[in-house]
N, C-alpha and C. Protein backbone atom coordinates (compact mmCIF):
# COMPACT_ATOMS: atom_id res chain seq x y z
N MET A 1 -5.38 -10.68 12.59
CA MET A 1 -4.91 -10.26 11.46
C MET A 1 -5.95 -9.77 10.37
N LYS A 2 -5.45 -9.05 9.49
CA LYS A 2 -6.47 -8.27 8.44
C LYS A 2 -5.90 -8.27 7.22
N HIS A 3 -6.66 -8.36 6.20
CA HIS A 3 -6.15 -8.25 4.76
C HIS A 3 -6.88 -7.02 4.13
N VAL A 4 -6.20 -6.06 3.42
CA VAL A 4 -7.06 -5.03 2.70
C VAL A 4 -6.36 -5.01 1.15
N ASN A 5 -7.03 -4.69 0.36
CA ASN A 5 -6.60 -4.36 -1.11
C ASN A 5 -6.91 -3.01 -1.05
N ILE A 6 -5.92 -2.27 -1.51
CA ILE A 6 -5.85 -0.87 -1.72
C ILE A 6 -5.36 -0.09 -2.96
N THR A 7 -6.30 0.52 -3.49
CA THR A 7 -6.01 1.37 -4.80
C THR A 7 -5.90 2.67 -4.39
N ILE A 8 -4.59 3.38 -5.00
CA ILE A 8 -4.39 4.84 -4.68
C ILE A 8 -4.40 5.52 -6.01
N TYR A 9 -5.24 6.48 -5.98
CA TYR A 9 -5.38 7.39 -7.22
C TYR A 9 -4.64 8.80 -7.17
N GLY A 10 -4.07 9.57 -8.19
CA GLY A 10 -3.59 10.67 -8.22
C GLY A 10 -2.22 10.69 -8.79
N ARG A 11 -1.50 11.53 -8.49
CA ARG A 11 0.03 11.50 -9.11
C ARG A 11 0.85 10.56 -7.99
N VAL A 12 0.71 9.26 -8.50
CA VAL A 12 1.38 8.24 -7.59
C VAL A 12 2.40 7.55 -8.35
N GLN A 13 2.62 7.63 -9.37
CA GLN A 13 3.61 7.00 -10.09
C GLN A 13 4.84 7.90 -10.49
N ARG A 14 6.08 7.40 -10.50
CA ARG A 14 7.27 8.46 -10.64
C ARG A 14 7.54 9.17 -9.61
N VAL A 15 6.94 8.82 -8.47
CA VAL A 15 7.32 9.71 -7.12
C VAL A 15 7.88 8.73 -6.07
N SER A 16 8.34 7.61 -6.45
CA SER A 16 9.00 6.68 -5.37
C SER A 16 7.83 6.17 -4.45
N PHE A 17 6.70 6.12 -5.01
CA PHE A 17 5.46 5.62 -4.13
C PHE A 17 5.88 3.90 -3.70
N ARG A 18 6.16 3.45 -4.63
CA ARG A 18 6.43 1.90 -4.10
C ARG A 18 7.53 1.72 -3.22
N ALA A 19 8.59 2.34 -3.34
CA ALA A 19 9.74 2.00 -2.60
C ALA A 19 9.38 2.63 -1.15
N ALA A 20 8.66 3.89 -1.29
CA ALA A 20 8.46 4.45 0.26
C ALA A 20 7.31 3.48 0.84
N THR A 21 6.31 2.88 0.09
CA THR A 21 5.55 2.01 0.69
C THR A 21 6.06 0.81 1.21
N LYS A 22 7.19 0.20 0.52
CA LYS A 22 7.85 -0.90 1.15
C LYS A 22 8.52 -0.43 2.46
N ALA A 23 9.02 0.66 2.55
CA ALA A 23 9.73 1.15 3.83
C ALA A 23 8.73 1.15 4.90
N VAL A 24 7.74 1.63 4.72
CA VAL A 24 6.76 1.85 5.77
C VAL A 24 6.00 0.62 6.06
N ALA A 25 5.80 -0.39 4.97
CA ALA A 25 5.22 -1.66 5.44
C ALA A 25 6.43 -2.44 6.22
N ASP A 26 7.62 -2.43 5.86
CA ASP A 26 8.63 -3.10 6.80
C ASP A 26 8.53 -2.53 7.95
N GLN A 27 8.48 -1.19 8.27
CA GLN A 27 8.68 -0.75 9.58
C GLN A 27 7.41 -1.23 10.53
N LEU A 28 6.20 -1.31 9.76
CA LEU A 28 4.95 -1.85 10.52
C LEU A 28 4.76 -3.26 10.63
N GLY A 29 5.57 -3.94 9.96
CA GLY A 29 5.48 -5.35 9.90
C GLY A 29 4.27 -5.81 9.06
N ILE A 30 4.01 -5.11 7.91
CA ILE A 30 2.91 -5.53 7.06
C ILE A 30 3.64 -6.22 6.03
N ARG A 31 2.92 -7.43 5.71
CA ARG A 31 3.16 -8.23 4.55
C ARG A 31 2.19 -8.01 3.39
N GLY A 32 2.80 -8.38 2.26
CA GLY A 32 1.95 -8.25 0.94
C GLY A 32 2.87 -7.75 -0.19
N TYR A 33 2.20 -6.80 -0.94
CA TYR A 33 3.07 -6.31 -2.20
C TYR A 33 2.20 -4.98 -2.54
N VAL A 34 3.20 -4.35 -3.28
CA VAL A 34 2.76 -3.05 -4.06
C VAL A 34 3.30 -3.22 -5.43
N GLN A 35 2.37 -2.50 -6.24
CA GLN A 35 2.68 -2.38 -7.76
C GLN A 35 2.11 -1.30 -8.43
N ASN A 36 2.60 -0.91 -9.60
CA ASN A 36 1.97 0.21 -10.50
C ASN A 36 1.11 -0.54 -11.36
N LYS A 37 0.03 -0.01 -11.57
CA LYS A 37 -1.02 -0.36 -12.55
C LYS A 37 -0.97 0.38 -13.93
N PRO A 38 -1.39 -0.21 -14.95
CA PRO A 38 -1.30 0.52 -16.35
C PRO A 38 -2.28 1.96 -16.31
N ASP A 39 -3.12 1.78 -15.43
CA ASP A 39 -3.97 2.92 -15.52
C ASP A 39 -3.62 3.91 -14.64
N GLY A 40 -2.31 3.98 -14.14
CA GLY A 40 -1.69 5.17 -13.46
C GLY A 40 -1.77 5.14 -11.93
N THR A 41 -2.71 4.13 -11.44
CA THR A 41 -2.84 3.96 -10.02
C THR A 41 -1.67 2.99 -9.32
N VAL A 42 -1.50 3.02 -8.10
CA VAL A 42 -0.74 2.28 -7.28
C VAL A 42 -1.67 1.30 -6.46
N TYR A 43 -1.31 -0.02 -6.52
CA TYR A 43 -2.27 -1.18 -5.96
C TYR A 43 -1.39 -1.76 -5.00
N LEU A 44 -1.94 -2.04 -3.80
CA LEU A 44 -1.20 -2.88 -2.96
C LEU A 44 -2.14 -3.71 -2.07
N GLU A 45 -1.67 -4.87 -1.74
CA GLU A 45 -2.28 -5.91 -0.75
C GLU A 45 -1.45 -5.83 0.67
N ALA A 46 -2.24 -5.55 1.58
CA ALA A 46 -1.55 -5.56 2.81
C ALA A 46 -2.18 -6.37 3.92
N GLU A 47 -1.37 -6.96 4.59
CA GLU A 47 -1.74 -7.89 5.79
C GLU A 47 -0.78 -7.70 7.02
N GLY A 48 -1.74 -7.54 8.04
CA GLY A 48 -1.17 -7.18 9.37
C GLY A 48 -2.22 -7.24 10.47
N ASP A 49 -1.66 -6.88 11.77
CA ASP A 49 -2.74 -6.50 12.78
C ASP A 49 -3.51 -5.41 12.39
N GLU A 50 -4.62 -5.28 13.14
CA GLU A 50 -5.69 -3.97 12.97
C GLU A 50 -4.82 -2.72 13.09
N LEU A 51 -4.11 -2.50 14.04
CA LEU A 51 -3.35 -1.25 14.27
C LEU A 51 -2.41 -0.96 13.12
N SER A 52 -1.78 -1.83 12.80
CA SER A 52 -0.61 -1.70 11.73
C SER A 52 -1.31 -1.39 10.36
N VAL A 53 -2.38 -1.98 9.98
CA VAL A 53 -3.08 -1.87 8.62
C VAL A 53 -3.87 -0.43 8.62
N GLY A 54 -4.18 -0.03 10.04
CA GLY A 54 -4.60 1.39 10.10
C GLY A 54 -3.73 2.40 9.82
N PHE A 55 -2.53 2.17 10.27
CA PHE A 55 -1.55 3.11 10.14
C PHE A 55 -0.98 3.15 8.68
N MET A 56 -0.98 2.03 7.93
CA MET A 56 -0.65 1.87 6.66
C MET A 56 -1.71 2.63 5.77
N LEU A 57 -2.98 2.53 6.01
CA LEU A 57 -3.90 3.16 5.38
C LEU A 57 -3.96 4.84 5.56
N ASP A 58 -3.60 5.22 6.84
CA ASP A 58 -3.38 6.70 7.00
C ASP A 58 -2.35 7.13 6.21
N TRP A 59 -1.03 6.34 5.99
CA TRP A 59 0.02 6.74 5.26
C TRP A 59 -0.23 6.77 3.84
N CYS A 60 -1.04 5.95 3.30
CA CYS A 60 -1.59 5.77 1.99
C CYS A 60 -2.20 7.00 1.42
N ASN A 61 -3.00 7.59 2.40
CA ASN A 61 -3.85 8.87 2.09
C ASN A 61 -2.88 10.03 1.84
N ASP A 62 -1.61 10.11 2.25
CA ASP A 62 -0.60 11.11 2.10
C ASP A 62 0.53 10.69 0.94
N GLY A 63 0.94 9.53 1.29
CA GLY A 63 2.15 9.09 0.46
C GLY A 63 3.44 9.79 0.65
N PRO A 64 4.42 9.49 -0.24
CA PRO A 64 5.58 10.07 -0.11
C PRO A 64 5.64 11.56 -0.42
N GLU A 65 6.67 12.29 -0.37
CA GLU A 65 6.59 13.71 -0.25
C GLU A 65 6.15 14.26 -1.83
N LYS A 66 6.57 13.75 -2.86
CA LYS A 66 6.18 14.29 -4.33
C LYS A 66 4.96 13.72 -4.73
N ALA A 67 4.33 12.76 -3.99
CA ALA A 67 2.95 12.18 -4.49
C ALA A 67 1.75 13.24 -4.08
N VAL A 68 0.66 13.23 -4.85
CA VAL A 68 -0.53 13.98 -4.68
C VAL A 68 -1.70 12.84 -4.73
N VAL A 69 -2.07 12.55 -3.56
CA VAL A 69 -2.97 11.38 -3.58
C VAL A 69 -4.40 11.97 -3.62
N GLU A 70 -5.20 11.54 -4.58
CA GLU A 70 -6.59 12.03 -4.83
C GLU A 70 -7.63 11.36 -4.29
N LYS A 71 -7.37 10.05 -4.09
CA LYS A 71 -8.42 8.89 -3.70
C LYS A 71 -7.74 7.60 -3.27
N VAL A 72 -8.40 7.05 -2.25
CA VAL A 72 -7.92 5.63 -1.78
C VAL A 72 -9.00 4.78 -1.60
N GLU A 73 -9.16 3.84 -2.41
CA GLU A 73 -10.17 2.80 -2.15
C GLU A 73 -9.58 1.64 -1.45
N VAL A 74 -10.38 1.13 -0.56
CA VAL A 74 -9.92 0.01 0.45
C VAL A 74 -11.08 -1.12 0.42
N VAL A 75 -10.65 -2.40 0.06
CA VAL A 75 -11.59 -3.37 0.10
C VAL A 75 -10.88 -4.52 1.09
N GLU A 76 -11.73 -4.80 1.94
CA GLU A 76 -11.29 -5.91 2.84
C GLU A 76 -11.56 -7.21 2.14
N ALA A 77 -10.52 -8.17 2.46
CA ALA A 77 -10.59 -9.51 1.66
C ALA A 77 -9.88 -10.54 2.70
N GLU A 78 -9.92 -11.73 2.22
CA GLU A 78 -9.58 -12.89 2.88
C GLU A 78 -7.82 -12.96 3.11
N LEU A 79 -7.39 -13.32 4.16
CA LEU A 79 -5.95 -13.48 4.31
C LEU A 79 -5.21 -14.31 3.27
N LYS A 80 -4.22 -14.01 2.75
CA LYS A 80 -3.34 -14.76 1.74
C LYS A 80 -2.20 -15.32 2.48
N ASN A 81 -1.79 -14.90 3.63
CA ASN A 81 -0.66 -15.35 4.74
C ASN A 81 0.54 -14.95 3.99
N TYR A 82 0.83 -13.79 3.34
CA TYR A 82 2.24 -13.40 2.78
C TYR A 82 3.26 -13.49 3.77
N ARG A 83 4.50 -13.77 3.23
CA ARG A 83 5.57 -13.90 4.07
C ARG A 83 6.44 -12.63 4.40
N ASN A 84 6.17 -11.81 3.26
CA ASN A 84 7.02 -10.55 3.46
C ASN A 84 6.11 -9.56 2.69
N PHE A 85 6.98 -8.40 2.47
CA PHE A 85 6.37 -7.35 1.67
C PHE A 85 7.26 -7.10 0.43
N GLU A 86 6.74 -7.17 -0.79
CA GLU A 86 7.46 -6.84 -2.04
C GLU A 86 7.01 -5.71 -2.81
N VAL A 87 8.08 -5.20 -3.76
CA VAL A 87 7.66 -4.33 -4.80
C VAL A 87 7.67 -5.12 -5.88
N LYS A 88 6.39 -4.97 -6.77
CA LYS A 88 6.38 -5.84 -8.00
C LYS A 88 6.42 -4.91 -9.13
N LYS A 89 6.97 -5.30 -10.18
CA LYS A 89 7.07 -4.54 -11.44
C LYS A 89 5.63 -4.38 -11.93
């Protein structure tokens, strides 16, 4: 199992990024959460097996159709053992 903290920069708010991230995370069996940050970024914590986390990172570099992803920062961290994937306000 792997845990990563991901910050996504660009036009990533008001484009259904969080809802789309939840759908992808659920398909991949990723646990954690996603939320919009006041600085205009989207932040997520994702836990899963190496392959699933890799697919999640690949998806984050594109995002949903209307998003314009400029940069993705990834920091590996310790597992928090999330039970599911949530969209936070």
